[in-house]
Amino acid sequence: MSMHAQFRRRYRLDETPVPFTLNGVLETGRRGDTVLTAILSVSGRLRQSEFTGEDRAGFCLIGACQDCYVMLVNGSRVRACSTALEQGMAFITDLDGHGGGRS
């Protein structure tokens, strides 16, 4: 089942594109995006819960909880709501580690 993006970009459309990889698929955010904004602009969820497998989209969105941590391909985690997107970042957000990009 295909899910649509949670966020719809309406402003800053002319900002510099910032390429990143989501579950092996090349995607594009914009300069100034947080990781959370970039992922939810192309995906229906931020990640899957490691406990239940349910889709998550962040909770507090201000860096106070731990619901928005996402895994980088190198195995480290970043807090998506307060981490600036950088060119070349690569994320794994599916529990099986190799999901199909735009989910």
Protein backbone atom coordinates (compact mmCIF):
# COMPACT_ATOMS: atom_id res chain seq x y z
CA MET A 1 0.00 0.00 0.00
CA SER A 2 1.44 3.38 -0.98
CA MET A 3 1.15 6.26 1.46
CA HIS A 4 1.30 9.93 0.52
CA ALA A 5 3.69 12.39 2.11
CA GLN A 6 2.61 13.77 5.49
CA PHE A 7 3.86 17.28 4.69
CA ARG A 8 3.11 19.27 1.57
CA ARG A 9 5.73 21.90 0.79
CA ARG A 10 4.13 25.29 0.15
CA TYR A 11 6.97 27.69 0.90
CA ARG A 12 10.69 27.87 0.21
CA LEU A 13 10.22 25.96 -3.04
CA ASP A 14 13.14 27.83 -4.58
CA GLU A 15 15.63 26.91 -1.82
CA THR A 16 18.69 24.89 -2.82
CA PRO A 17 17.88 21.17 -3.22
CA VAL A 18 19.60 18.85 -0.73
CA PRO A 19 19.84 15.22 -1.88
CA PHE A 20 19.51 12.45 0.71
CA THR A 21 18.74 8.73 0.64
CA LEU A 22 15.72 7.16 2.31
CA ASN A 23 15.68 3.36 2.46
CA GLY A 24 17.97 3.16 -0.56
CA VAL A 25 16.00 5.64 -2.69
CA LEU A 26 17.44 9.03 -3.62
CA GLU A 27 15.17 11.84 -2.42
CA THR A 28 15.48 15.63 -2.25
CA GLY A 29 14.89 18.03 0.61
CA ARG A 30 15.56 21.76 0.68
CA ARG A 31 18.21 23.90 2.34
CA GLY A 32 16.99 24.69 5.86
CA ASP A 33 14.96 21.49 6.27
CA THR A 34 15.23 19.39 9.38
CA VAL A 35 15.58 15.66 8.83
CA LEU A 36 11.95 15.28 9.96
CA THR A 37 10.68 17.85 7.44
CA ALA A 38 12.67 16.31 4.60
CA ILE A 39 11.50 12.74 5.28
CA LEU A 40 7.84 13.63 5.88
CA SER A 41 7.83 15.73 2.71
CA VAL A 42 8.43 12.54 0.70
CA SER A 43 7.03 9.79 2.94
CA GLY A 44 3.87 8.93 4.82
CA ARG A 45 5.80 8.23 8.00
CA LEU A 46 9.03 9.12 9.71
CA ARG A 47 9.91 5.62 10.87
CA GLN A 48 8.50 2.39 12.29
CA SER A 49 8.40 1.81 16.03
CA GLU A 50 11.05 -0.69 17.07
CA PHE A 51 8.62 -2.05 19.68
CA THR A 52 5.37 -2.45 17.76
CA GLY A 53 6.25 -1.90 14.09
CA GLU A 54 3.65 0.88 13.92
CA ASP A 55 4.28 3.94 11.80
CA ARG A 56 5.55 6.99 13.66
CA ALA A 57 5.71 10.65 12.58
CA GLY A 58 7.34 12.20 15.65
CA PHE A 59 5.54 13.30 18.77
CA CYS A 60 6.59 16.59 20.36
CA LEU A 61 8.46 18.01 17.31
CA ILE A 62 10.60 20.22 19.58
CA GLY A 63 13.36 17.85 20.70
CA ALA A 64 11.91 16.99 24.12
CA CYS A 65 10.96 13.35 23.51
CA GLN A 66 12.74 10.52 21.72
CA ASP A 67 10.02 9.56 19.25
CA CYS A 68 11.69 11.02 16.17
CA TYR A 69 15.07 9.28 16.29
CA VAL A 70 15.96 7.84 12.87
CA MET A 71 18.83 5.56 11.96
CA LEU A 72 21.58 6.53 9.55
CA VAL A 73 23.01 3.79 7.34
CA ASN A 74 26.20 3.85 9.44
CA GLY A 75 24.15 2.69 12.47
CA SER A 76 24.08 5.97 14.38
CA ARG A 77 20.82 7.72 15.25
CA VAL A 78 19.82 11.35 14.96
CA ARG A 79 16.91 13.27 16.41
CA ALA A 80 15.00 14.13 13.22
CA CYS A 81 13.10 17.14 14.56
CA SER A 82 16.21 19.07 15.56
CA THR A 83 18.88 17.83 13.12
CA ALA A 84 19.49 19.87 9.99
CA LEU A 85 19.40 17.90 6.75
CA GLU A 86 22.83 17.68 5.14
CA GLN A 87 23.66 16.65 1.61
CA GLY A 88 24.32 12.93 1.30
CA MET A 89 22.67 11.81 4.54
CA ALA A 90 21.29 8.28 4.22
CA PHE A 91 18.50 6.97 6.44
CA ILE A 92 16.96 3.58 7.15
CA THR A 93 13.46 3.93 8.53
CA ASP A 94 12.05 0.46 7.91
CA LEU A 95 12.45 -2.25 10.54
CA ASP A 96 13.76 -4.69 7.96
CA GLY A 97 16.39 -2.11 7.00
CA HIS A 98 15.84 -2.10 3.26
CA GLY A 99 12.37 -0.80 2.62
CA GLY A 100 11.09 0.61 -0.60
CA GLY A 101 11.64 4.34 -0.44
CA ARG A 102 8.41 6.32 -0.84
CA SER A 103 6.19 4.46 1.56
